[in-house]
Amino acid sequence: MGLVLFGLTGGLGSGKSTVAARFRAQGLPVIDADALARDVVAEGTEGLGEVVRALGPEVLLPDGSLDRARVAAMVFDDPGKRRQLNAIVHPRIAALLLERAAALEARGEPLACYEAALLVENGVADAFRPLVVVAVPEAIQIARAMARDGATAEQVRARLDAQLPLASKVAVADHVIDNAGDRAATERQADEVLASIRVKFGGGAERAGR
């Protein structure tokens, strides 16, 4: 049996990064989609060159790196530019994900997690079963995102409106972690979910902390 790569997702401010950190602390390899997205448009990459050609040189910071905030603002209300960007970035992310997963398998890892915000939206959740969804009420999403990003409630709601509702993700989840409580409660749930997945797919607790 090869590497099992299961999915971890949530919504804006739901706390999937907290769960991913707990998984890592328990010795589980986690591949972060946001990190892949940064790597494929890093300075000097073909991906960055393609983005500049598509969106213009104004997307570059003075040091030559990509101004991710500017790109996000450019494509948020422009479906055409968003499709252009996705056509450049998504295939490269998929290729890099396969490369990182192959490296984990080559070193003998039986189990790993893919942390990504849009697994359900992009229609690929079934490729990363079991799917773990981190959920909180929308009011908590808004409050946490405002505190984390320095955004207004209206800005956060606009970003939420662009995402699939958390309830829709919960509906297709194999495991749900309720992050409405304190960090200790979330970490207990994360440990329980990971233990359950390990029992079924391998990568037992004795690997934790390696």
C-alpha atoms as a PDB file:
ATOM      1  CA  MET A   1       0.000   0.000   0.000  1.00  0.00           C
ATOM      2  CA  GLY A   2       1.424   3.396  -0.988  1.00  0.00           C
ATOM      3  CA  LEU A   3       1.145   6.748   0.680  1.00  0.00           C
ATOM      4  CA  VAL A   4      -2.343   7.788   1.787  1.00  0.00           C
ATOM      5  CA  LEU A   5      -2.732  11.548   1.365  1.00  0.00           C
ATOM      6  CA  PHE A   6      -5.849  12.768   3.156  1.00  0.00           C
ATOM      7  CA  GLY A   7      -7.387  16.224   2.991  1.00  0.00           C
ATOM      8  CA  LEU A   8      -7.723  18.992   5.562  1.00  0.00           C
ATOM      9  CA  THR A   9      -9.870  21.987   4.733  1.00  0.00           C
ATOM     10  CA  GLY A  10     -12.122  24.642   6.249  1.00  0.00           C
ATOM     11  CA  GLY A  11     -13.149  28.210   5.606  1.00  0.00           C
ATOM     12  CA  LEU A  12     -11.816  31.669   6.254  1.00  0.00           C
ATOM     13  CA  GLY A  13     -10.890  31.943   9.938  1.00  0.00           C
ATOM     14  CA  SER A  14     -12.054  28.412  10.737  1.00  0.00           C
ATOM     15  CA  GLY A  15      -8.689  27.318  12.109  1.00  0.00           C
ATOM     16  CA  LYS A  16      -7.409  24.648   9.735  1.00  0.00           C
ATOM     17  CA  SER A  17      -3.872  25.940  10.260  1.00  0.00           C
ATOM     18  CA  THR A  18      -4.224  25.242  13.980  1.00  0.00           C
ATOM     19  CA  VAL A  19      -5.232  21.664  13.226  1.00  0.00           C
ATOM     20  CA  ALA A  20      -2.425  21.274  10.681  1.00  0.00           C
ATOM     21  CA  ALA A  21       0.082  22.448  13.306  1.00  0.00           C
ATOM     22  CA  ARG A  22      -1.270  19.860  15.733  1.00  0.00           C
ATOM     23  CA  PHE A  23      -0.954  17.124  13.109  1.00  0.00           C
ATOM     24  CA  ARG A  24       2.670  18.130  12.539  1.00  0.00           C
ATOM     25  CA  ALA A  25       3.306  18.067  16.292  1.00  0.00           C
ATOM     26  CA  GLN A  26       2.023  14.487  16.270  1.00  0.00           C
ATOM     27  CA  GLY A  27       4.641  13.530  13.682  1.00  0.00           C
ATOM     28  CA  LEU A  28       2.419  13.635  10.606  1.00  0.00           C
ATOM     29  CA  PRO A  29       3.811  15.166   7.402  1.00  0.00           C
ATOM     30  CA  VAL A  30       1.571  18.006   6.175  1.00  0.00           C
ATOM     31  CA  ILE A  31       1.774  19.490   2.686  1.00  0.00           C
ATOM     32  CA  ASP A  32       0.444  23.068   2.717  1.00  0.00           C
ATOM     33  CA  ALA A  33      -1.277  24.223  -0.483  1.00  0.00           C
ATOM     34  CA  ASP A  34      -0.495  27.869   0.348  1.00  0.00           C
ATOM     35  CA  ALA A  35       3.209  27.021   0.549  1.00  0.00           C
ATOM     36  CA  LEU A  36       3.021  25.236  -2.801  1.00  0.00           C
ATOM     37  CA  ALA A  37       1.267  28.275  -4.289  1.00  0.00           C
ATOM     38  CA  ARG A  38       4.116  30.499  -3.087  1.00  0.00           C
ATOM     39  CA  ASP A  39       6.785  28.120  -4.366  1.00  0.00           C
ATOM     40  CA  VAL A  40       5.411  27.909  -7.916  1.00  0.00           C
ATOM     41  CA  VAL A  41       5.579  31.704  -8.331  1.00  0.00           C
ATOM     42  CA  ALA A  42       8.803  32.274  -6.400  1.00  0.00           C
ATOM     43  CA  GLU A  43      11.333  34.713  -7.807  1.00  0.00           C
ATOM     44  CA  GLY A  44      13.027  33.300 -10.890  1.00  0.00           C
ATOM     45  CA  THR A  45      10.419  30.628 -11.610  1.00  0.00           C
ATOM     46  CA  GLU A  46       8.644  30.060 -14.893  1.00  0.00           C
ATOM     47  CA  GLY A  47       5.379  30.453 -13.013  1.00  0.00           C
ATOM     48  CA  LEU A  48       6.232  33.975 -11.909  1.00  0.00           C
ATOM     49  CA  GLY A  49       7.179  34.923 -15.443  1.00  0.00           C
ATOM     50  CA  GLU A  50       3.835  33.660 -16.730  1.00  0.00           C
ATOM     51  CA  VAL A  51       1.931  35.648 -14.082  1.00  0.00           C
ATOM     52  CA  VAL A  52       3.794  38.849 -14.968  1.00  0.00           C
ATOM     53  CA  ARG A  53       3.070  38.338 -18.673  1.00  0.00           C
ATOM     54  CA  ALA A  54      -0.618  37.741 -17.918  1.00  0.00           C
ATOM     55  CA  LEU A  55      -1.268  40.456 -15.329  1.00  0.00           C
ATOM     56  CA  GLY A  56       1.466  43.015 -15.963  1.00  0.00           C
ATOM     57  CA  PRO A  57       4.726  44.088 -14.253  1.00  0.00           C
ATOM     58  CA  GLU A  58       2.813  45.995 -11.594  1.00  0.00           C
ATOM     59  CA  VAL A  59       2.279  42.682  -9.758  1.00  0.00           C
ATOM     60  CA  LEU A  60       5.957  42.671  -8.781  1.00  0.00           C
ATOM     61  CA  LEU A  61       7.343  44.150  -5.583  1.00  0.00           C
ATOM     62  CA  PRO A  62      10.544  46.224  -5.746  1.00  0.00           C
ATOM     63  CA  ASP A  63      12.602  43.160  -4.794  1.00  0.00           C
ATOM     64  CA  GLY A  64      11.255  41.219  -7.798  1.00  0.00           C
ATOM     65  CA  SER A  65       8.931  38.946  -5.827  1.00  0.00           C
ATOM     66  CA  LEU A  66       5.207  38.638  -6.411  1.00  0.00           C
ATOM     67  CA  ASP A  67       2.918  41.105  -4.647  1.00  0.00           C
ATOM     68  CA  ARG A  68       0.359  38.506  -3.616  1.00  0.00           C
ATOM     69  CA  ALA A  69      -1.964  41.073  -2.013  1.00  0.00           C
ATOM     70  CA  ARG A  70      -2.044  43.103  -5.227  1.00  0.00           C
ATOM     71  CA  VAL A  71      -2.721  39.994  -7.327  1.00  0.00           C
ATOM     72  CA  ALA A  72      -5.550  38.954  -5.001  1.00  0.00           C
ATOM     73  CA  ALA A  73      -7.114  42.414  -5.306  1.00  0.00           C
ATOM     74  CA  MET A  74      -6.774  42.345  -9.100  1.00  0.00           C
ATOM     75  CA  VAL A  75      -8.482  38.996  -9.603  1.00  0.00           C
ATOM     76  CA  PHE A  76     -11.116  39.206  -6.860  1.00  0.00           C
ATOM     77  CA  ASP A  77     -13.696  41.023  -8.985  1.00  0.00           C
ATOM     78  CA  ASP A  78     -12.358  40.013 -12.404  1.00  0.00           C
ATOM     79  CA  PRO A  79     -13.339  36.449 -13.388  1.00  0.00           C
ATOM     80  CA  GLY A  80     -11.289  36.666 -16.588  1.00  0.00           C
ATOM     81  CA  LYS A  81      -8.070  37.511 -14.780  1.00  0.00           C
ATOM     82  CA  ARG A  82      -8.859  34.929 -12.104  1.00  0.00           C
ATOM     83  CA  ARG A  83      -9.194  32.233 -14.786  1.00  0.00           C
ATOM     84  CA  GLN A  84      -5.876  33.361 -16.306  1.00  0.00           C
ATOM     85  CA  LEU A  85      -4.144  33.150 -12.953  1.00  0.00           C
ATOM     86  CA  ASN A  86      -5.654  29.769 -12.110  1.00  0.00           C
ATOM     87  CA  ALA A  87      -4.623  28.353 -15.495  1.00  0.00           C
ATOM     88  CA  ILE A  88      -1.032  29.309 -14.701  1.00  0.00           C
ATOM     89  CA  VAL A  89      -0.864  28.368 -11.045  1.00  0.00           C
ATOM     90  CA  HIS A  90      -3.121  25.337 -10.536  1.00  0.00           C
ATOM     91  CA  PRO A  91      -1.320  22.880 -12.858  1.00  0.00           C
ATOM     92  CA  ARG A  92       2.011  23.837 -11.305  1.00  0.00           C
ATOM     93  CA  ILE A  93       0.634  23.355  -7.783  1.00  0.00           C
ATOM     94  CA  ALA A  94      -0.713  19.919  -8.774  1.00  0.00           C
ATOM     95  CA  ALA A  95       2.654  18.900 -10.226  1.00  0.00           C
ATOM     96  CA  LEU A  96       4.551  20.088  -7.143  1.00  0.00           C
ATOM     97  CA  LEU A  97       2.069  18.295  -4.871  1.00  0.00           C
ATOM     98  CA  LEU A  98       2.723  15.027  -6.714  1.00  0.00           C
ATOM     99  CA  GLU A  99       6.461  15.625  -6.390  1.00  0.00           C
ATOM    100  CA  ARG A 100       6.268  16.263  -2.635  1.00  0.00           C
ATOM    101  CA  ALA A 101       3.950  13.255  -2.100  1.00  0.00           C
ATOM    102  CA  ALA A 102       6.320  11.013  -4.078  1.00  0.00           C
ATOM    103  CA  ALA A 103       9.205  12.160  -1.895  1.00  0.00           C
ATOM    104  CA  LEU A 104       7.257  11.271   1.256  1.00  0.00           C
ATOM    105  CA  GLU A 105       6.366   7.863  -0.154  1.00  0.00           C
ATOM    106  CA  ALA A 106       9.983   7.234  -1.141  1.00  0.00           C
ATOM    107  CA  ARG A 107      11.099   7.778   2.434  1.00  0.00           C
ATOM    108  CA  GLY A 108       8.526   5.271   3.677  1.00  0.00           C
ATOM    109  CA  GLU A 109       5.780   7.514   5.020  1.00  0.00           C
ATOM    110  CA  PRO A 110       2.431   5.648   4.971  1.00  0.00           C
ATOM    111  CA  LEU A 111       0.271   8.697   5.698  1.00  0.00           C
ATOM    112  CA  ALA A 112       0.322  12.452   5.099  1.00  0.00           C
ATOM    113  CA  CYS A 113      -2.108  15.368   5.065  1.00  0.00           C
ATOM    114  CA  TYR A 114      -2.817  17.897   2.310  1.00  0.00           C
ATOM    115  CA  GLU A 115      -3.968  21.196   3.827  1.00  0.00           C
ATOM    116  CA  ALA A 116      -5.892  23.229   1.257  1.00  0.00           C
ATOM    117  CA  ALA A 117      -8.699  25.790   1.453  1.00  0.00           C
ATOM    118  CA  LEU A 118     -10.461  24.905  -1.805  1.00  0.00           C
ATOM    119  CA  LEU A 119     -10.540  21.109  -1.955  1.00  0.00           C
ATOM    120  CA  VAL A 120     -14.334  21.025  -2.080  1.00  0.00           C
ATOM    121  CA  GLU A 121     -14.738  24.107  -4.304  1.00  0.00           C
ATOM    122  CA  ASN A 122     -12.298  22.685  -6.840  1.00  0.00           C
ATOM    123  CA  GLY A 123     -14.113  19.356  -6.953  1.00  0.00           C
ATOM    124  CA  VAL A 124     -11.133  17.287  -5.796  1.00  0.00           C
ATOM    125  CA  ALA A 125     -12.223  16.325  -2.274  1.00  0.00           C
ATOM    126  CA  ASP A 126     -12.722  12.685  -3.262  1.00  0.00           C
ATOM    127  CA  ALA A 127      -9.063  12.465  -4.268  1.00  0.00           C
ATOM    128  CA  PHE A 128      -8.078  13.249  -0.665  1.00  0.00           C
ATOM    129  CA  ARG A 129     -10.215  10.940   1.453  1.00  0.00           C
ATOM    130  CA  PRO A 130     -10.745  10.850   4.317  1.00  0.00           C
ATOM    131  CA  LEU A 131     -11.631  14.542   4.266  1.00  0.00           C
ATOM    132  CA  VAL A 132     -11.245  16.486   7.523  1.00  0.00           C
ATOM    133  CA  VAL A 133     -13.171  19.769   7.795  1.00  0.00           C
ATOM    134  CA  VAL A 134     -12.516  22.364  10.508  1.00  0.00           C
ATOM    135  CA  ALA A 135     -15.721  24.261  11.266  1.00  0.00           C
ATOM    136  CA  VAL A 136     -16.870  27.234  13.324  1.00  0.00           C
ATOM    137  CA  PRO A 137     -19.994  29.433  13.262  1.00  0.00           C
ATOM    138  CA  GLU A 138     -19.831  32.279  10.753  1.00  0.00           C
ATOM    139  CA  ALA A 139     -19.770  34.930  13.501  1.00  0.00           C
ATOM    140  CA  ILE A 140     -16.538  33.408  14.820  1.00  0.00           C
ATOM    141  CA  GLN A 141     -15.092  33.237  11.301  1.00  0.00           C
ATOM    142  CA  ILE A 142     -15.730  36.950  10.872  1.00  0.00           C
ATOM    143  CA  ALA A 143     -14.339  37.934  14.274  1.00  0.00           C
ATOM    144  CA  ARG A 144     -11.174  35.856  13.872  1.00  0.00           C
ATOM    145  CA  ALA A 145     -10.503  37.013  10.316  1.00  0.00           C
ATOM    146  CA  MET A 146     -10.976  40.664  11.362  1.00  0.00           C
ATOM    147  CA  ALA A 147      -8.534  40.233  14.240  1.00  0.00           C
ATOM    148  CA  ARG A 148      -5.980  38.290  12.159  1.00  0.00           C
ATOM    149  CA  ASP A 149      -6.039  40.370   8.974  1.00  0.00           C
ATOM    150  CA  GLY A 150      -7.008  43.814  10.253  1.00  0.00           C
ATOM    151  CA  ALA A 151     -10.021  43.709   7.921  1.00  0.00           C
ATOM    152  CA  THR A 152     -13.467  45.200   8.339  1.00  0.00           C
ATOM    153  CA  ALA A 153     -16.543  43.036   8.809  1.00  0.00           C
ATOM    154  CA  GLU A 154     -17.701  44.001   5.317  1.00  0.00           C
ATOM    155  CA  GLN A 155     -14.375  42.940   3.775  1.00  0.00           C
ATOM    156  CA  VAL A 156     -14.488  39.610   5.571  1.00  0.00           C
ATOM    157  CA  ARG A 157     -18.104  38.990   4.518  1.00  0.00           C
ATOM    158  CA  ALA A 158     -17.165  39.672   0.904  1.00  0.00           C
ATOM    159  CA  ARG A 159     -14.413  37.073   1.137  1.00  0.00           C
ATOM    160  CA  LEU A 160     -16.795  34.610   2.779  1.00  0.00           C
ATOM    161  CA  ASP A 161     -19.327  35.162   0.010  1.00  0.00           C
ATOM    162  CA  ALA A 162     -16.672  34.102  -2.500  1.00  0.00           C
ATOM    163  CA  GLN A 163     -16.195  30.768  -0.695  1.00  0.00           C
ATOM    164  CA  LEU A 164     -18.427  27.739  -0.418  1.00  0.00           C
ATOM    165  CA  PRO A 165     -20.317  27.897   2.895  1.00  0.00           C
ATOM    166  CA  LEU A 166     -18.695  25.840   5.633  1.00  0.00           C
ATOM    167  CA  ALA A 167     -21.939  23.882   6.013  1.00  0.00           C
ATOM    168  CA  SER A 168     -21.507  22.589   2.461  1.00  0.00           C
ATOM    169  CA  LYS A 169     -18.014  21.366   3.306  1.00  0.00           C
ATOM    170  CA  VAL A 170     -19.179  19.750   6.526  1.00  0.00           C
ATOM    171  CA  ALA A 171     -21.834  17.902   4.525  1.00  0.00           C
ATOM    172  CA  VAL A 172     -19.173  16.044   2.514  1.00  0.00           C
ATOM    173  CA  ALA A 173     -16.658  15.556   5.338  1.00  0.00           C
ATOM    174  CA  ASP A 174     -15.516  12.247   6.777  1.00  0.00           C
ATOM    175  CA  HIS A 175     -14.391  13.944  10.000  1.00  0.00           C
ATOM    176  CA  VAL A 176     -15.422  17.326  11.417  1.00  0.00           C
ATOM    177  CA  ILE A 177     -13.398  19.251  14.005  1.00  0.00           C
ATOM    178  CA  ASP A 178     -15.370  21.921  15.885  1.00  0.00           C
ATOM    179  CA  ASN A 179     -13.010  24.834  16.502  1.00  0.00           C
ATOM    180  CA  ALA A 180     -15.514  27.079  18.299  1.00  0.00           C
ATOM    181  CA  GLY A 181     -13.964  26.357  21.695  1.00  0.00           C
ATOM    182  CA  ASP A 182     -10.485  26.866  23.091  1.00  0.00           C
ATOM    183  CA  ARG A 183      -7.273  25.597  21.504  1.00  0.00           C
ATOM    184  CA  ALA A 184      -6.996  22.657  23.905  1.00  0.00           C
ATOM    185  CA  ALA A 185     -10.437  21.385  22.869  1.00  0.00           C
ATOM    186  CA  THR A 186      -9.536  21.698  19.191  1.00  0.00           C
ATOM    187  CA  GLU A 187      -6.251  19.868  19.708  1.00  0.00           C
ATOM    188  CA  ARG A 188      -8.017  17.022  21.536  1.00  0.00           C
ATOM    189  CA  GLN A 189     -10.371  16.603  18.603  1.00  0.00           C
ATOM    190  CA  ALA A 190      -7.475  16.759  16.140  1.00  0.00           C
ATOM    191  CA  ASP A 191      -5.671  14.021  18.085  1.00  0.00           C
ATOM    192  CA  GLU A 192      -8.784  11.843  18.072  1.00  0.00           C
ATOM    193  CA  VAL A 193      -9.336  12.303  14.344  1.00  0.00           C
ATOM    194  CA  LEU A 194      -5.702  11.571  13.532  1.00  0.00           C
ATOM    195  CA  ALA A 195      -5.707   8.480  15.747  1.00  0.00           C
ATOM    196  CA  SER A 196      -8.796   7.205  13.927  1.00  0.00           C
ATOM    197  CA  ILE A 197      -7.219   7.780  10.518  1.00  0.00           C
ATOM    198  CA  ARG A 198      -3.988   6.119  11.593  1.00  0.00           C
ATOM    199  CA  VAL A 199      -5.834   3.032  12.784  1.00  0.00           C
ATOM    200  CA  LYS A 200      -7.497   2.699   9.383  1.00  0.00           C
ATOM    201  CA  PHE A 201      -4.658   3.718   7.068  1.00  0.00           C
ATOM    202  CA  GLY A 202      -1.404   3.235   8.956  1.00  0.00           C
ATOM    203  CA  GLY A 203       1.219   5.594  10.308  1.00  0.00           C
ATOM    204  CA  GLY A 204       0.583   4.657  13.922  1.00  0.00           C
ATOM    205  CA  ALA A 205       1.111   6.770  16.996  1.00  0.00           C
ATOM    206  CA  GLU A 206       4.584   5.305  17.480  1.00  0.00           C
ATOM    207  CA  ARG A 207       5.680   7.535  14.571  1.00  0.00           C
ATOM    208  CA  ALA A 208       4.687  10.680  16.463  1.00  0.00           C
ATOM    209  CA  GLY A 209       7.519  12.980  17.371  1.00  0.00           C
ATOM    210  CA  ARG A 210       9.995  11.391  14.990  1.00  0.00           C
END
